[in-house]
Protein backbone atom coordinates (compact mmCIF):
# COMPACT_ATOMS: atom_id res chain seq x y z
CA MET A 1 -3.86 15.42 -1.59
CA HIS A 2 -6.61 16.59 0.77
CA TYR A 3 -6.71 14.65 4.02
CA PRO A 4 -10.06 13.81 5.68
CA LYS A 5 -10.98 16.64 8.02
CA LEU A 6 -11.71 14.53 11.08
CA ILE A 7 -8.27 12.99 11.19
CA GLY A 8 -5.95 14.81 13.54
CA THR A 9 -8.78 16.00 15.78
CA THR A 10 -10.42 14.57 18.84
CA ALA A 11 -13.28 13.47 16.59
CA ILE A 12 -11.35 10.45 15.34
CA CYS A 13 -10.74 9.35 18.92
CA ALA A 14 -14.45 9.34 19.55
CA VAL A 15 -15.14 7.54 16.27
CA ILE A 16 -12.79 4.65 16.94
CA GLY A 17 -12.77 4.67 20.72
CA LEU A 18 -9.35 6.10 21.45
CA SER A 19 -7.89 8.47 23.99
CA PRO A 20 -4.78 10.52 23.22
CA ALA A 21 -1.77 8.37 24.08
CA LEU A 22 1.87 8.73 24.93
CA ALA A 23 4.76 6.66 23.65
CA GLN A 24 5.41 3.56 25.75
CA VAL A 25 9.16 3.52 25.17
CA GLN A 26 11.07 6.43 26.73
CA ALA A 27 14.63 5.19 26.25
CA LEU A 28 16.44 2.44 24.38
CA GLY A 29 18.18 -0.40 26.15
CA GLU A 30 20.47 -3.17 24.97
CA PRO A 31 19.36 -4.75 21.69
CA GLU A 32 17.39 -7.91 22.38
CA GLY A 33 19.04 -9.93 19.61
CA GLU A 34 16.04 -10.50 17.35
CA LEU A 35 13.29 -8.68 15.52
CA ASN A 36 10.06 -10.09 14.04
CA ILE A 37 8.44 -8.13 11.23
CA VAL A 38 5.27 -8.56 9.17
CA ALA A 39 5.93 -7.02 5.74
CA TRP A 40 4.72 -6.83 2.18
CA PRO A 41 6.61 -9.10 -0.26
CA GLY A 42 9.82 -7.46 -1.45
CA PHE A 43 9.92 -4.85 1.29
CA ILE A 44 12.65 -6.36 3.47
CA GLU A 45 15.39 -7.95 1.38
CA ARG A 46 18.62 -9.65 2.43
CA GLY A 47 20.04 -10.35 -1.03
CA GLN A 48 18.41 -13.75 -1.49
CA THR A 49 16.45 -12.69 -4.59
CA ILE A 50 19.08 -10.41 -6.13
CA GLU A 51 22.38 -10.05 -4.27
CA ALA A 52 22.63 -6.28 -4.75
CA PHE A 53 19.39 -5.67 -2.88
CA ASP A 54 20.22 -6.32 0.77
CA TRP A 55 19.38 -3.91 3.57
CA VAL A 56 19.10 -6.53 6.32
CA THR A 57 22.61 -7.99 6.62
CA SER A 58 24.30 -4.70 7.47
CA PHE A 59 21.65 -3.97 10.10
CA GLU A 60 22.10 -7.37 11.72
CA GLU A 61 25.88 -6.95 11.78
CA ALA A 62 25.68 -3.48 13.30
CA THR A 63 23.05 -4.20 15.95
CA GLY A 64 23.07 -7.94 16.63
CA CYS A 65 19.31 -7.96 15.95
CA GLN A 66 18.48 -10.98 13.80
CA VAL A 67 15.60 -10.10 11.50
CA LYS A 68 12.79 -12.58 10.82
CA VAL A 69 10.18 -11.60 8.25
CA LYS A 70 6.67 -12.94 7.73
CA THR A 71 5.30 -11.76 4.40
CA ALA A 72 1.65 -10.85 4.04
CA ASN A 73 -0.13 -10.35 0.73
CA THR A 74 -3.10 -8.27 1.89
CA SER A 75 -3.81 -5.71 4.57
CA ASP A 76 -6.41 -8.02 6.10
CA GLU A 77 -3.72 -10.68 6.49
CA MET A 78 -1.45 -8.14 8.18
CA VAL A 79 -4.15 -7.18 10.66
CA ALA A 80 -4.83 -10.84 11.43
CA LEU A 81 -1.14 -11.53 12.03
CA MET A 82 -0.77 -8.49 14.28
CA ASN A 83 -3.81 -9.63 16.24
CA GLU A 84 -1.90 -12.83 17.02
CA GLY A 85 0.71 -10.76 18.84
CA ARG A 86 3.88 -12.62 17.84
CA PHE A 87 5.45 -9.73 15.93
CA ASP A 88 7.29 -6.53 16.79
CA LEU A 89 6.74 -4.46 13.64
CA VAL A 90 4.50 -4.32 10.59
CA THR A 91 4.75 -2.35 7.34
CA ALA A 92 1.07 -1.40 7.26
CA SER A 93 -0.78 0.29 4.43
CA GLY A 94 -3.44 2.89 5.10
CA ASP A 95 -6.33 0.44 4.91
CA ALA A 96 -4.81 -1.46 7.84
CA SER A 97 -3.11 1.18 9.96
CA LEU A 98 -6.17 2.86 11.48
CA ARG A 99 -7.69 -0.55 12.19
CA LEU A 100 -4.54 -1.44 14.10
CA VAL A 101 -4.75 1.81 16.05
CA ALA A 102 -8.46 1.36 16.78
CA GLY A 103 -7.89 -2.24 17.86
CA ASN A 104 -5.10 -1.20 20.24
CA ARG A 105 -2.68 -3.43 18.36
CA VAL A 106 0.06 -0.79 17.89
CA GLN A 107 1.74 1.68 20.21
CA PRO A 108 2.62 5.36 19.81
CA ILE A 109 6.14 6.00 18.58
CA ASN A 110 8.60 8.16 20.48
CA LEU A 111 9.93 10.31 17.65
CA SER A 112 12.75 11.59 19.84
CA LEU A 113 14.26 8.09 19.58
CA ILE A 114 14.29 8.34 15.76
CA PRO A 115 17.22 10.66 14.90
CA SER A 116 16.38 10.66 11.18
CA TRP A 117 12.78 11.81 11.66
CA ASP A 118 13.68 15.29 10.42
CA THR A 119 14.65 13.84 7.03
CA VAL A 120 11.14 12.44 6.38
CA ASP A 121 9.06 13.95 3.57
CA GLU A 122 7.00 16.82 5.00
CA ARG A 123 3.99 15.55 3.02
CA LEU A 124 3.98 12.40 5.15
CA LYS A 125 4.88 13.60 8.63
CA ASN A 126 1.28 14.03 9.72
CA ALA A 127 -0.58 11.76 7.31
CA PRO A 128 -4.00 10.74 8.61
CA TRP A 129 -3.58 7.02 8.07
CA TYR A 130 -1.16 6.75 11.01
CA VAL A 131 -1.38 10.02 12.98
CA VAL A 132 -4.40 10.22 15.30
CA ASP A 133 -5.07 13.33 17.39
CA GLY A 134 -1.48 14.40 16.91
CA VAL A 135 -0.09 11.06 18.07
CA HIS A 136 2.23 9.22 15.69
CA TYR A 137 1.52 5.50 15.63
CA GLY A 138 4.32 4.76 13.21
CA VAL A 139 6.95 6.12 10.86
CA PRO A 140 6.58 6.23 7.04
CA TYR A 141 8.38 3.49 5.07
CA GLN A 142 7.62 3.80 1.30
CA TRP A 143 4.77 4.92 -0.93
CA GLY A 144 3.56 4.44 -4.46
CA PRO A 145 0.65 4.11 -6.90
CA ASN A 146 -1.38 1.08 -7.92
CA VAL A 147 -0.66 0.96 -11.64
CA LEU A 148 -2.31 -0.70 -14.64
CA MET A 149 0.03 -3.38 -16.00
CA TYR A 150 -0.54 -4.56 -19.55
CA ASN A 151 0.98 -6.98 -22.04
CA THR A 152 2.71 -4.94 -24.74
CA GLU A 153 2.26 -7.68 -27.33
CA VAL A 154 -1.50 -7.61 -26.76
CA PHE A 155 -1.78 -3.83 -26.93
CA GLY A 156 0.96 -3.14 -29.51
CA ASP A 157 1.05 0.52 -30.42
CA GLU A 158 -2.27 1.17 -28.64
CA PRO A 159 -1.42 1.12 -24.91
CA PRO A 160 -4.42 1.42 -22.61
CA THR A 161 -5.37 4.87 -21.36
CA SER A 162 -8.26 3.84 -19.12
CA TRP A 163 -9.03 1.31 -16.41
CA ASN A 164 -11.96 0.25 -18.60
CA VAL A 165 -9.85 -2.62 -19.92
CA VAL A 166 -10.30 -4.39 -16.56
CA PHE A 167 -13.82 -3.17 -15.72
CA GLU A 168 -15.79 -3.48 -18.97
CA GLU A 169 -15.89 -6.17 -21.62
CA MET A 170 -14.22 -5.12 -24.86
CA THR A 171 -12.11 -6.26 -27.76
CA LEU A 172 -8.44 -5.56 -27.15
CA PRO A 173 -6.03 -4.34 -29.85
CA ASP A 174 -4.98 -7.94 -30.64
CA GLY A 175 -8.54 -8.62 -31.81
CA GLN A 176 -9.55 -10.80 -28.86
CA SER A 177 -11.91 -10.13 -25.95
CA ASN A 178 -10.55 -9.19 -22.55
CA ARG A 179 -12.85 -11.78 -20.97
CA GLY A 180 -10.74 -14.26 -19.01
CA ARG A 181 -7.57 -12.26 -19.66
CA VAL A 182 -7.64 -9.70 -16.85
CA GLN A 183 -7.15 -9.85 -13.10
CA ALA A 184 -8.39 -7.93 -10.06
CA TYR A 185 -6.94 -7.45 -6.59
CA ASP A 186 -8.14 -9.90 -3.97
CA GLY A 187 -8.83 -7.38 -1.23
CA PRO A 188 -11.87 -5.36 -0.14
CA ILE A 189 -9.95 -2.13 -0.72
CA HIS A 190 -10.34 -2.85 -4.45
CA ILE A 191 -13.85 -1.42 -4.08
CA ALA A 192 -12.08 1.95 -3.99
CA ASP A 193 -10.64 1.33 -7.47
CA ALA A 194 -14.15 0.83 -8.79
CA ALA A 195 -15.32 3.96 -6.98
CA GLN A 196 -12.48 5.99 -8.45
CA TYR A 197 -13.39 4.76 -11.93
CA LEU A 198 -16.96 5.91 -11.32
CA MET A 199 -15.78 9.30 -10.07
CA HIS A 200 -14.49 9.94 -13.57
CA HIS A 201 -17.18 8.25 -15.65
CA GLN A 202 -20.30 8.90 -13.56
CA PRO A 203 -19.73 12.26 -11.86
CA GLU A 204 -23.45 12.51 -11.20
CA LEU A 205 -22.93 10.01 -8.37
CA GLY A 206 -21.16 12.76 -6.44
CA ILE A 207 -18.30 10.63 -5.12
CA ALA A 208 -15.80 12.91 -3.38
CA SER A 209 -13.47 10.18 -2.14
CA PRO A 210 -13.30 6.52 -3.20
CA TYR A 211 -13.05 5.61 0.49
CA GLU A 212 -16.14 7.60 1.52
CA LEU A 213 -19.20 6.10 -0.16
CA ASN A 214 -22.84 6.47 0.76
CA GLN A 215 -25.12 3.54 0.08
CA ASP A 216 -26.03 4.55 -3.50
CA GLN A 217 -22.39 5.21 -4.43
CA TYR A 218 -21.34 1.97 -2.80
CA ASP A 219 -24.01 -0.01 -4.65
CA ALA A 220 -22.81 1.45 -7.95
CA ALA A 221 -19.25 0.38 -7.19
CA LEU A 222 -20.38 -3.15 -6.34
CA ASP A 223 -22.38 -3.35 -9.57
CA LEU A 224 -19.27 -2.41 -11.54
CA LEU A 225 -17.28 -5.06 -9.69
CA ARG A 226 -19.92 -7.66 -10.54
CA VAL A 227 -19.33 -6.86 -14.21
CA GLN A 228 -15.59 -7.16 -13.63
CA ARG A 229 -16.09 -10.59 -12.10
CA THR A 230 -17.37 -11.91 -15.45
CA LEU A 231 -14.05 -10.87 -17.03
CA THR A 232 -11.61 -11.85 -14.30
CA ALA A 233 -9.37 -14.88 -14.66
CA ARG A 234 -7.93 -14.56 -11.15
CA TYR A 235 -8.29 -12.40 -8.07
CA TRP A 236 -4.63 -11.99 -7.19
CA HIS A 237 -3.09 -11.41 -3.81
CA ASP A 238 0.24 -13.19 -4.22
CA ALA A 239 2.58 -11.00 -6.28
CA PHE A 240 4.62 -13.95 -7.51
CA ILE A 241 1.58 -15.93 -8.65
CA GLN A 242 0.42 -12.87 -10.56
CA MET A 243 3.82 -12.62 -12.24
CA ASP A 244 3.64 -16.28 -13.19
CA ASP A 245 0.22 -15.68 -14.75
CA PHE A 246 1.61 -12.88 -16.90
CA LYS A 247 4.49 -15.11 -17.94
CA ASN A 248 2.54 -18.27 -18.69
CA GLU A 249 -1.24 -17.79 -18.67
CA GLY A 250 -1.81 -15.14 -21.32
CA MET A 251 -2.91 -12.32 -19.05
CA ALA A 252 -3.51 -9.03 -20.85
CA ALA A 253 -4.02 -6.47 -18.07
CA SER A 254 -4.40 -6.00 -14.33
CA GLY A 255 -3.99 -3.54 -11.55
CA THR A 256 -0.71 -4.22 -9.78
CA TRP A 257 2.23 -2.76 -7.89
CA PRO A 258 5.35 -1.43 -9.63
CA PHE A 259 7.23 -4.31 -7.94
CA GLN A 260 5.70 -6.89 -10.29
CA VAL A 261 6.23 -4.70 -13.34
CA ASN A 262 9.92 -4.24 -12.54
CA LEU A 263 10.60 -7.94 -11.96
CA LEU A 264 8.70 -9.05 -15.06
CA GLN A 265 10.51 -6.53 -17.24
CA ALA A 266 13.84 -7.66 -15.80
CA ASP A 267 12.87 -11.21 -16.75
CA GLY A 268 12.14 -10.18 -20.34
CA VAL A 269 8.33 -10.47 -20.08
CA PRO A 270 6.59 -8.02 -22.47
CA VAL A 271 4.78 -5.81 -19.96
CA ALA A 272 4.55 -2.11 -19.24
CA SER A 273 2.50 0.02 -16.88
CA VAL A 274 0.56 3.25 -16.89
CA ILE A 275 -1.52 5.44 -14.59
CA PRO A 276 -4.73 5.81 -16.63
CA VAL A 277 -6.81 8.92 -17.17
CA GLU A 278 -8.99 8.17 -14.13
CA GLY A 279 -5.92 8.37 -11.87
CA ALA A 280 -4.83 5.76 -9.35
CA THR A 281 -5.31 4.65 -5.82
CA GLY A 282 -2.10 4.10 -3.96
CA TRP A 283 -0.48 3.08 -0.73
CA SER A 284 1.71 4.79 1.80
CA ASP A 285 3.13 2.19 4.14
CA THR A 286 4.08 2.79 7.73
CA SER A 287 6.36 0.96 10.14
CA MET A 288 4.17 0.35 13.20
CA MET A 289 5.13 -1.32 16.48
CA HIS A 290 2.94 -3.89 18.21
CA VAL A 291 1.52 -2.72 21.52
CA ASP A 292 3.08 -5.77 23.20
CA ALA A 293 6.33 -5.83 21.23
CA VAL A 294 9.08 -7.71 23.05
CA ASN A 295 12.06 -6.48 21.03
CA THR A 296 11.46 -2.76 21.31
CA THR A 297 15.07 -1.61 21.14
CA CYS A 298 15.70 -3.66 18.01
CA ALA A 299 12.43 -2.28 16.60
CA TYR A 300 13.47 1.33 17.14
CA LEU A 301 16.90 0.62 15.70
CA TRP A 302 15.25 -0.89 12.62
CA ILE A 303 12.92 2.08 12.15
CA GLU A 304 15.92 4.40 12.26
CA HIS A 305 17.79 2.12 9.84
CA SER A 306 14.77 2.09 7.52
CA LEU A 307 15.07 5.86 7.08
CA SER A 308 18.68 5.72 5.94
CA SER A 309 19.05 7.32 2.56
CA ASN A 310 20.81 4.28 1.15
CA LEU A 311 18.02 1.87 2.14
CA GLN A 312 15.31 4.24 0.96
CA SER A 313 17.11 4.68 -2.36
CA ASP A 314 17.70 1.00 -3.10
CA LEU A 315 14.26 -0.08 -1.89
CA SER A 316 12.59 2.45 -4.18
CA VAL A 317 14.54 1.05 -7.14
CA TRP A 318 13.77 -2.54 -6.18
CA PHE A 319 10.06 -2.06 -5.55
CA GLY A 320 9.37 0.71 -8.04
CA SER A 321 8.12 2.85 -5.16
CA ASN A 322 9.05 6.23 -3.72
CA PRO A 323 11.31 6.97 -0.78
CA VAL A 324 9.87 8.69 2.28
CA VAL A 325 13.21 10.50 2.59
CA PRO A 326 13.36 12.88 -0.40
CA ALA A 327 17.15 13.12 -0.29
CA ALA A 328 17.31 9.47 -1.32
CA CYS A 329 16.28 10.56 -4.83
CA THR A 330 19.26 12.82 -5.35
CA ASP A 331 22.12 12.32 -2.89
CA GLY A 332 23.74 9.35 -4.67
CA SER A 333 23.76 7.21 -1.53
CA GLY A 334 22.16 4.30 -3.38
CA MET A 335 20.89 3.25 -6.79
CA GLN A 336 18.04 5.75 -7.13
CA THR A 337 18.24 8.96 -9.16
CA ALA A 338 16.08 12.04 -9.50
CA GLU A 339 14.89 10.74 -12.87
CA GLY A 340 14.02 7.39 -11.31
CA CYS A 341 11.94 9.02 -8.60
CA THR A 342 10.08 11.02 -11.24
CA THR A 343 9.39 7.81 -13.15
CA ASN A 344 8.08 6.17 -9.97
CA GLY A 345 5.63 9.04 -9.47
CA PHE A 346 7.40 11.06 -6.78
CA ASP A 347 5.98 14.27 -8.27
CA ASP A 348 2.45 12.83 -8.52
CA PHE A 349 1.77 12.63 -4.79
CA ASP A 350 -1.24 14.92 -4.98
CA LYS A 351 -2.78 12.83 -7.79
CA ILE A 352 -2.86 9.60 -5.80
CA ARG A 353 -5.77 8.68 -3.56
CA PHE A 354 -4.03 6.75 -0.84
CA TRP A 355 -5.56 3.71 0.83
CA THR A 356 -7.30 4.53 4.07
CA THR A 357 -9.80 2.71 6.24
CA PRO A 358 -13.46 3.48 5.35
CA ILE A 359 -15.45 4.55 8.39
CA THR A 360 -19.10 5.41 9.01
CA ASN A 361 -18.54 8.99 10.18
CA CYS A 362 -16.75 10.19 7.07
CA ALA A 363 -15.69 13.73 6.24
CA SER A 364 -17.33 14.24 2.85
CA GLN A 365 -20.94 13.39 3.77
CA ASP A 366 -23.17 12.45 6.68
CA GLU A 367 -22.74 8.69 6.65
CA CYS A 368 -20.60 6.24 4.71
CA VAL A 369 -20.44 2.48 4.38
CA PRO A 370 -17.85 1.20 6.91
CA TYR A 371 -15.03 -1.19 6.19
CA TYR A 372 -16.60 -4.30 7.71
CA ARG A 373 -19.28 -4.05 5.03
CA TRP A 374 -16.59 -3.75 2.36
CA VAL A 375 -15.11 -7.03 3.60
CA SER A 376 -18.32 -9.07 3.56
CA ASP A 377 -19.68 -7.59 0.36
CA TYR A 378 -16.46 -8.02 -1.60
CA ILE A 379 -16.39 -11.68 -0.62
CA GLY A 380 -19.90 -11.84 -1.99
CA VAL A 381 -18.90 -10.24 -5.28
CA ILE A 382 -16.04 -12.68 -5.75
CA GLY A 383 -18.43 -15.51 -4.94
CA GLY A 384 -20.91 -14.37 -7.58
CA ARG A 385 -23.44 -12.54 -5.39
């Protein structure tokens, strides 16, 4: 994957109003006894859903840090929660992480206090969605693609090969229209999925990155999303509500996370997933510490714990994602295997266009539509404008 050129230079500091910063925490003290984390659903498990998936209890027993988790279903929700200031850590995706840095909501991380840093995937150690001007504002947690989930009874022996099944009206293999039988993600970053689709089908638009759109490219993406709105039964943001829809409401296809696919398949629901010909957007999530975190020792201890091969292995099986510690795929410390990592897309890193925050001063062209416009305009699309 090619990272935007301005990330990792002083240019980004000027763009978002930052100065190079140093880590606030220079040494660990006594654990404070608690830790408050904002996380995606399914990311921090203590065995309450399935007993075998528990990477919290052992941490609490070893450190005395009692973990409290507030789940968030969108990056915008995560940013809003971090703005409240009641949390120590967040598992932020790339469309939130730079906003948190720019808003001075997160602090630089002292990598010398993370003994397992050397085990992190080299492809992620300086990723532009959390490293600004050489300063690390977090530590990688997990990554994965946004996949196309489909009902195997609807598609039969003709599985979808394109995202067109959720963007354009058509008759599906079961003889019925897709109208009212597909879903779309309830987040402004979904504009990037439309842009990626157009990159493949309308190359004359000249889109180089789905996160870097000039006005004409952006307008084309919004027009495609307006078509999608006429087909969409629900804009989903709650993973469990989406799963219920696929169980009970006759949904045929939707973009989703591997997490939903895995749980639905385990429950016997006839679904499968694919990365279509146009490719996929994706997410690489980062553990980031609030600038005013109270429980900093517990936070650092958790970040170190999160890089343990066993946690990375089991989490990647549970969520259908990829570990940020490559050894977790092969060392037998947990449930994951080399074959499982390949299935989850570990070898497809360079094919995924990872979520990042759209900014005006983009790398691929002179001026791009910034994220605040994505937010207001996507609300308009959902509302029929």
